[in-house]
PDB file of N, CA and C in Angstrom:
ATOM      1  N   MET A   1     -61.094  43.789   8.743  1.00  0.00           N
ATOM      2  CA  MET A   1     -60.931  42.956   9.484  1.00  0.00           C
ATOM      3  C   MET A   1     -63.027  43.196   9.925  1.00  0.00           C
ATOM      4  N   PHE A   2     -63.836  42.202   9.794  1.00  0.00           N
ATOM      5  CA  PHE A   2     -64.585  41.813  10.081  1.00  0.00           C
ATOM      6  C   PHE A   2     -65.630  41.006  10.948  1.00  0.00           C
ATOM      7  N   ALA A   3     -66.189  40.922  12.386  1.00  0.00           N
ATOM      8  CA  ALA A   3     -66.206  40.343  13.181  1.00  0.00           C
ATOM      9  C   ALA A   3     -67.737  40.552  14.073  1.00  0.00           C
ATOM     10  N   VAL A   4     -68.149  39.626  13.944  1.00  0.00           N
ATOM     11  CA  VAL A   4     -69.481  39.023  14.546  1.00  0.00           C
ATOM     12  C   VAL A   4     -70.088  38.698  15.866  1.00  0.00           C
ATOM     13  N   ALA A   5     -70.167  38.668  16.886  1.00  0.00           N
ATOM     14  CA  ALA A   5     -70.185  37.922  18.148  1.00  0.00           C
ATOM     15  C   ALA A   5     -71.761  37.675  17.985  1.00  0.00           C
ATOM     16  N   PHE A   6     -72.601  36.496  17.766  1.00  0.00           N
ATOM     17  CA  PHE A   6     -73.759  35.793  17.677  1.00  0.00           C
ATOM     18  C   PHE A   6     -74.142  34.574  18.161  1.00  0.00           C
ATOM     19  N   LEU A   7     -75.096  35.067  19.254  1.00  0.00           N
ATOM     20  CA  LEU A   7     -75.326  33.539  20.435  1.00  0.00           C
ATOM     21  C   LEU A   7     -73.736  32.620  20.683  1.00  0.00           C
ATOM     22  N   GLY A   8     -73.221  33.645  21.035  1.00  0.00           N
ATOM     23  CA  GLY A   8     -72.194  32.961  21.507  1.00  0.00           C
ATOM     24  C   GLY A   8     -71.380  32.225  20.464  1.00  0.00           C
ATOM     25  N   MET A   9     -71.430  32.721  19.601  1.00  0.00           N
ATOM     26  CA  MET A   9     -70.145  32.275  18.281  1.00  0.00           C
ATOM     27  C   MET A   9     -69.477  33.891  18.040  1.00  0.00           C
ATOM     28  N   LEU A  10     -68.080  33.883  17.606  1.00  0.00           N
ATOM     29  CA  LEU A  10     -67.687  34.979  16.813  1.00  0.00           C
ATOM     30  C   LEU A  10     -67.590  34.599  15.405  1.00  0.00           C
ATOM     31  N   VAL A  11     -68.021  35.278  14.555  1.00  0.00           N
ATOM     32  CA  VAL A  11     -67.990  35.308  12.907  1.00  0.00           C
ATOM     33  C   VAL A  11     -66.982  36.311  12.652  1.00  0.00           C
ATOM     34  N   SER A  12     -66.096  35.968  12.030  1.00  0.00           N
ATOM     35  CA  SER A  12     -64.843  37.524  11.696  1.00  0.00           C
ATOM     36  C   SER A  12     -64.292  36.997  10.428  1.00  0.00           C
ATOM     37  N   ALA A  13     -64.141  38.365   9.673  1.00  0.00           N
ATOM     38  CA  ALA A  13     -63.833  38.060   8.010  1.00  0.00           C
ATOM     39  C   ALA A  13     -62.501  39.068   8.337  1.00  0.00           C
ATOM     40  N   ALA A  14     -61.422  38.936   7.265  1.00  0.00           N
ATOM     41  CA  ALA A  14     -60.740  39.972   7.404  1.00  0.00           C
ATOM     42  C   ALA A  14     -60.327  40.358   5.686  1.00  0.00           C
ATOM     43  N   SER A  15     -59.970  41.734   5.014  1.00  0.00           N
ATOM     44  CA  SER A  15     -60.300  41.903   3.591  1.00  0.00           C
ATOM     45  C   SER A  15     -59.119  42.940   3.628  1.00  0.00           C
ATOM     46  N   VAL A  16     -57.971  42.907   2.549  1.00  0.00           N
ATOM     47  CA  VAL A  16     -57.160  43.489   1.798  1.00  0.00           C
ATOM     48  C   VAL A  16     -57.871  44.036   1.077  1.00  0.00           C
ATOM     49  N   GLY A  17     -57.436  45.430   0.519  1.00  0.00           N
ATOM     50  CA  GLY A  17     -58.038  46.129  -0.313  1.00  0.00           C
ATOM     51  C   GLY A  17     -57.119  46.053  -1.602  1.00  0.00           C
ATOM     52  N   ALA A  18     -56.934  46.792  -2.584  1.00  0.00           N
ATOM     53  CA  ALA A  18     -56.194  46.808  -3.697  1.00  0.00           C
ATOM     54  C   ALA A  18     -55.219  47.703  -3.198  1.00  0.00           C
ATOM     55  N   ALA A  19     -55.344  48.457  -2.406  1.00  0.00           N
ATOM     56  CA  ALA A  19     -54.272  49.491  -1.855  1.00  0.00           C
ATOM     57  C   ALA A  19     -53.688  49.195  -0.800  1.00  0.00           C
ATOM     58  N   GLY A  20     -53.860  48.031  -0.526  1.00  0.00           N
ATOM     59  CA  GLY A  20     -53.156  47.785   0.999  1.00  0.00           C
ATOM     60  C   GLY A  20     -53.497  47.632   1.812  1.00  0.00           C
ATOM     61  N   GLY A  21     -54.753  48.284   2.363  1.00  0.00           N
ATOM     62  CA  GLY A  21     -55.287  48.920   3.450  1.00  0.00           C
ATOM     63  C   GLY A  21     -56.425  47.822   4.400  1.00  0.00           C
ATOM     64  N   THR A  22     -56.431  47.539   5.266  1.00  0.00           N
ATOM     65  CA  THR A  22     -58.001  46.601   5.761  1.00  0.00           C
ATOM     66  C   THR A  22     -58.850  47.663   6.070  1.00  0.00           C
ATOM     67  N   GLY A  23     -59.841  46.787   6.409  1.00  0.00           N
ATOM     68  CA  GLY A  23     -60.794  47.542   6.486  1.00  0.00           C
ATOM     69  C   GLY A  23     -61.905  47.048   7.756  1.00  0.00           C
ATOM     70  N   ALA A  24     -62.636  47.524   8.847  1.00  0.00           N
ATOM     71  CA  ALA A  24     -62.297  46.626   9.766  1.00  0.00           C
ATOM     72  C   ALA A  24     -64.157  46.676  10.108  1.00  0.00           C
ATOM     73  N   VAL A  25     -64.932  45.970  10.411  1.00  0.00           N
ATOM     74  CA  VAL A  25     -66.077  46.169  11.486  1.00  0.00           C
ATOM     75  C   VAL A  25     -66.322  45.521  12.434  1.00  0.00           C
ATOM     76  N   VAL A  26     -66.778  45.707  13.081  1.00  0.00           N
ATOM     77  CA  VAL A  26     -66.890  44.977  14.928  1.00  0.00           C
ATOM     78  C   VAL A  26     -68.446  45.164  14.954  1.00  0.00           C
ATOM     79  N   ILE A  27     -68.873  44.192  15.348  1.00  0.00           N
ATOM     80  CA  ILE A  27     -70.288  44.180  16.274  1.00  0.00           C
ATOM     81  C   ILE A  27     -70.467  43.503  16.943  1.00  0.00           C
ATOM     82  N   THR A  28     -70.692  44.343  17.886  1.00  0.00           N
ATOM     83  CA  THR A  28     -70.364  43.227  19.619  1.00  0.00           C
ATOM     84  C   THR A  28     -72.055  42.526  20.029  1.00  0.00           C
ATOM     85  N   GLY A  29     -71.941  42.334  20.793  1.00  0.00           N
ATOM     86  CA  GLY A  29     -73.180  41.140  21.259  1.00  0.00           C
ATOM     87  C   GLY A  29     -74.004  42.498  22.038  1.00  0.00           C
ATOM     88  N   ASP A  30     -73.324  43.157  22.555  1.00  0.00           N
ATOM     89  CA  ASP A  30     -74.618  44.362  22.853  1.00  0.00           C
ATOM     90  C   ASP A  30     -74.899  45.344  22.011  1.00  0.00           C
ATOM     91  N   GLU A  31     -74.626  45.508  20.752  1.00  0.00           N
ATOM     92  CA  GLU A  31     -75.583  46.130  19.378  1.00  0.00           C
ATOM     93  C   GLU A  31     -76.097  44.716  18.648  1.00  0.00           C
ATOM     94  N   ILE A  32     -75.938  43.745  18.711  1.00  0.00           N
ATOM     95  CA  ILE A  32     -76.968  42.544  18.738  1.00  0.00           C
ATOM     96  C   ILE A  32     -78.184  42.786  18.858  1.00  0.00           C
ATOM     97  N   LYS A  33     -78.075  42.577  20.796  1.00  0.00           N
ATOM     98  CA  LYS A  33     -78.827  42.803  21.276  1.00  0.00           C
ATOM     99  C   LYS A  33     -79.419  43.736  21.029  1.00  0.00           C
ATOM    100  N   GLU A  34     -79.049  45.303  20.800  1.00  0.00           N
ATOM    101  CA  GLU A  34     -80.055  46.285  20.570  1.00  0.00           C
ATOM    102  C   GLU A  34     -80.781  46.242  19.133  1.00  0.00           C
ATOM    103  N   MET A  35     -80.466  45.535  18.159  1.00  0.00           N
ATOM    104  CA  MET A  35     -80.786  45.416  17.009  1.00  0.00           C
ATOM    105  C   MET A  35     -82.190  44.476  17.055  1.00  0.00           C
ATOM    106  N   ASN A  36     -82.496  43.622  18.107  1.00  0.00           N
ATOM    107  CA  ASN A  36     -83.839  42.691  18.572  1.00  0.00           C
ATOM    108  C   ASN A  36     -83.824  42.114  17.543  1.00  0.00           C
ATOM    109  N   VAL A  37     -82.895  41.205  16.477  1.00  0.00           N
ATOM    110  CA  VAL A  37     -83.004  40.375  15.529  1.00  0.00           C
ATOM    111  C   VAL A  37     -82.555  38.895  15.725  1.00  0.00           C
ATOM    112  N   HIS A  38     -83.349  37.982  15.343  1.00  0.00           N
ATOM    113  CA  HIS A  38     -83.255  36.421  15.510  1.00  0.00           C
ATOM    114  C   HIS A  38     -82.234  35.458  14.579  1.00  0.00           C
ATOM    115  N   LYS A  39     -81.767  36.397  13.212  1.00  0.00           N
ATOM    116  CA  LYS A  39     -81.266  36.000  12.681  1.00  0.00           C
ATOM    117  C   LYS A  39     -79.998  36.567  12.251  1.00  0.00           C
ATOM    118  N   ILE A  40     -79.155  35.561  11.940  1.00  0.00           N
ATOM    119  CA  ILE A  40     -77.217  36.376  11.873  1.00  0.00           C
ATOM    120  C   ILE A  40     -77.250  36.910  10.416  1.00  0.00           C
ATOM    121  N   ALA A  41     -78.380  36.432   9.184  1.00  0.00           N
ATOM    122  CA  ALA A  41     -78.293  37.531   8.268  1.00  0.00           C
ATOM    123  C   ALA A  41     -78.947  38.771   8.471  1.00  0.00           C
ATOM    124  N   ASP A  42     -79.813  38.785   9.602  1.00  0.00           N
ATOM    125  CA  ASP A  42     -80.152  40.330   9.872  1.00  0.00           C
ATOM    126  C   ASP A  42     -79.235  41.046  10.488  1.00  0.00           C
ATOM    127  N   VAL A  43     -78.270  40.639  11.009  1.00  0.00           N
ATOM    128  CA  VAL A  43     -76.909  41.488  11.604  1.00  0.00           C
ATOM    129  C   VAL A  43     -76.335  41.689  10.282  1.00  0.00           C
ATOM    130  N   LEU A  44     -75.547  40.655   9.552  1.00  0.00           N
ATOM    131  CA  LEU A  44     -74.774  41.144   8.512  1.00  0.00           C
ATOM    132  C   LEU A  44     -75.227  41.707   7.952  1.00  0.00           C
ATOM    133  N   ASN A  45     -76.332  42.182   7.219  1.00  0.00           N
ATOM    134  CA  ASN A  45     -77.066  42.889   6.142  1.00  0.00           C
ATOM    135  C   ASN A  45     -77.030  44.285   6.967  1.00  0.00           C
ATOM    136  N   GLN A  46     -76.423  44.552   7.664  1.00  0.00           N
ATOM    137  CA  GLN A  46     -76.012  46.124   8.666  1.00  0.00           C
ATOM    138  C   GLN A  46     -74.627  46.289   8.102  1.00  0.00           C
ATOM    139  N   VAL A  47     -74.104  45.454   7.649  1.00  0.00           N
ATOM    140  CA  VAL A  47     -72.116  45.612   7.473  1.00  0.00           C
ATOM    141  C   VAL A  47     -72.221  46.076   5.681  1.00  0.00           C
ATOM    142  N   PRO A  48     -72.075  47.327   5.542  1.00  0.00           N
ATOM    143  CA  PRO A  48     -71.786  47.729   3.791  1.00  0.00           C
ATOM    144  C   PRO A  48     -71.027  46.477   2.928  1.00  0.00           C
ATOM    145  N   GLY A  49     -71.832  46.140   1.744  1.00  0.00           N
ATOM    146  CA  GLY A  49     -70.596  45.370   1.057  1.00  0.00           C
ATOM    147  C   GLY A  49     -71.096  44.087   1.591  1.00  0.00           C
ATOM    148  N   ILE A  50     -71.844  43.528   2.598  1.00  0.00           N
ATOM    149  CA  ILE A  50     -72.431  42.292   2.631  1.00  0.00           C
ATOM    150  C   ILE A  50     -73.525  42.117   2.729  1.00  0.00           C
ATOM    151  N   LYS A  51     -74.686  41.082   2.153  1.00  0.00           N
ATOM    152  CA  LYS A  51     -75.413  40.747   1.723  1.00  0.00           C
ATOM    153  C   LYS A  51     -76.012  39.392   2.176  1.00  0.00           C
ATOM    154  N   ALA A  52     -77.108  39.072   3.005  1.00  0.00           N
ATOM    155  CA  ALA A  52     -76.687  37.723   3.903  1.00  0.00           C
ATOM    156  C   ALA A  52     -78.523  37.319   3.363  1.00  0.00           C
ATOM    157  N   GLY A  53     -78.654  36.225   3.469  1.00  0.00           N
ATOM    158  CA  GLY A  53     -80.037  35.487   2.776  1.00  0.00           C
ATOM    159  C   GLY A  53     -79.996  34.305   3.608  1.00  0.00           C
ATOM    160  N   GLU A  54     -81.237  33.387   3.129  1.00  0.00           N
ATOM    161  CA  GLU A  54     -81.762  32.472   4.091  1.00  0.00           C
ATOM    162  C   GLU A  54     -80.348  31.659   4.010  1.00  0.00           C
ATOM    163  N   SER A  55     -80.145  31.274   3.027  1.00  0.00           N
ATOM    164  CA  SER A  55     -78.758  30.649   2.863  1.00  0.00           C
ATOM    165  C   SER A  55     -77.527  30.291   1.771  1.00  0.00           C
ATOM    166  N   SER A  56     -77.275  31.808   2.163  1.00  0.00           N
ATOM    167  CA  SER A  56     -76.117  32.270   1.606  1.00  0.00           C
ATOM    168  C   SER A  56     -75.902  33.511   1.790  1.00  0.00           C
ATOM    169  N   VAL A  57     -74.249  34.156   1.875  1.00  0.00           N
ATOM    170  CA  VAL A  57     -73.833  35.556   2.308  1.00  0.00           C
ATOM    171  C   VAL A  57     -73.009  35.659   1.107  1.00  0.00           C
ATOM    172  N   SER A  58     -72.682  36.751   0.807  1.00  0.00           N
ATOM    173  CA  SER A  58     -72.404  37.317  -0.585  1.00  0.00           C
ATOM    174  C   SER A  58     -71.259  38.675   0.243  1.00  0.00           C
ATOM    175  N   ILE A  59     -70.371  38.184   0.010  1.00  0.00           N
ATOM    176  CA  ILE A  59     -68.722  39.284   0.814  1.00  0.00           C
ATOM    177  C   ILE A  59     -68.331  40.579  -0.643  1.00  0.00           C
ATOM    178  N   ARG A  60     -68.866  41.797  -0.919  1.00  0.00           N
ATOM    179  CA  ARG A  60     -67.800  42.331  -1.519  1.00  0.00           C
ATOM    180  C   ARG A  60     -66.595  42.154  -1.548  1.00  0.00           C
ATOM    181  N   GLY A  61     -65.822  41.963  -2.536  1.00  0.00           N
ATOM    182  CA  GLY A  61     -64.528  41.502  -2.607  1.00  0.00           C
ATOM    183  C   GLY A  61     -63.931  40.099  -1.684  1.00  0.00           C
ATOM    184  N   SER A  62     -64.715  39.168  -2.008  1.00  0.00           N
ATOM    185  CA  SER A  62     -64.886  37.923  -1.193  1.00  0.00           C
ATOM    186  C   SER A  62     -63.444  37.154  -1.689  1.00  0.00           C
ATOM    187  N   TYR A  63     -62.962  37.486  -2.994  1.00  0.00           N
ATOM    188  CA  TYR A  63     -61.500  37.023  -3.208  1.00  0.00           C
ATOM    189  C   TYR A  63     -60.426  36.968  -1.941  1.00  0.00           C
ATOM    190  N   LYS A  64     -60.368  37.572  -1.362  1.00  0.00           N
ATOM    191  CA  LYS A  64     -59.493  38.168  -0.208  1.00  0.00           C
ATOM    192  C   LYS A  64     -60.026  38.703   0.476  1.00  0.00           C
ATOM    193  N   VAL A  65     -60.963  37.554   1.076  1.00  0.00           N
ATOM    194  CA  VAL A  65     -61.702  37.614   2.712  1.00  0.00           C
ATOM    195  C   VAL A  65     -61.252  36.130   3.226  1.00  0.00           C
ATOM    196  N   LYS A  66     -60.616  36.634   4.522  1.00  0.00           N
ATOM    197  CA  LYS A  66     -60.942  35.460   5.163  1.00  0.00           C
ATOM    198  C   LYS A  66     -61.730  35.222   6.437  1.00  0.00           C
ATOM    199  N   VAL A  67     -62.601  34.140   6.468  1.00  0.00           N
ATOM    200  CA  VAL A  67     -63.320  34.493   7.339  1.00  0.00           C
ATOM    201  C   VAL A  67     -63.396  33.529   8.651  1.00  0.00           C
ATOM    202  N   LEU A  68     -63.748  33.315   9.802  1.00  0.00           N
ATOM    203  CA  LEU A  68     -63.099  33.034  11.210  1.00  0.00           C
ATOM    204  C   LEU A  68     -64.257  32.875  11.938  1.00  0.00           C
ATOM    205  N   LEU A  69     -64.512  31.693  12.812  1.00  0.00           N
ATOM    206  CA  LEU A  69     -65.615  31.501  13.351  1.00  0.00           C
ATOM    207  C   LEU A  69     -65.254  31.038  14.742  1.00  0.00           C
ATOM    208  N   ASP A  70     -65.354  32.012  15.812  1.00  0.00           N
ATOM    209  CA  ASP A  70     -64.770  31.397  16.969  1.00  0.00           C
ATOM    210  C   ASP A  70     -63.472  31.700  16.765  1.00  0.00           C
ATOM    211  N   GLY A  71     -62.392  32.436  16.069  1.00  0.00           N
ATOM    212  CA  GLY A  71     -61.317  32.979  15.917  1.00  0.00           C
ATOM    213  C   GLY A  71     -60.681  31.670  14.680  1.00  0.00           C
ATOM    214  N   ARG A  72     -61.285  30.704  14.588  1.00  0.00           N
ATOM    215  CA  ARG A  72     -61.051  29.796  13.392  1.00  0.00           C
ATOM    216  C   ARG A  72     -60.822  29.888  11.720  1.00  0.00           C
ATOM    217  N   PRO A  73     -60.018  29.822  11.050  1.00  0.00           N
ATOM    218  CA  PRO A  73     -60.822  29.907   9.456  1.00  0.00           C
ATOM    219  C   PRO A  73     -61.786  28.730   9.542  1.00  0.00           C
ATOM    220  N   ILE A  74     -62.678  29.548   8.420  1.00  0.00           N
ATOM    221  CA  ILE A  74     -63.720  28.033   7.770  1.00  0.00           C
ATOM    222  C   ILE A  74     -63.730  28.195   6.562  1.00  0.00           C
TER     223      ILE A  74
END
């Protein structure tokens, strides 16, 4: 499970690996404030396996990733 709270939004993704395990990374609003970033891409690039740019996001293992925005699938 991956979740990011950013500017009042919660963006999250869940992934199940080949071995059936799940991994989770949660970045809190306080952690984002400490990062002093202005773009969600800068936050996402702190997570291993995620590369974010101006107009795209690449998630390793994205075939089995569920992405949620404010708890809703997108």
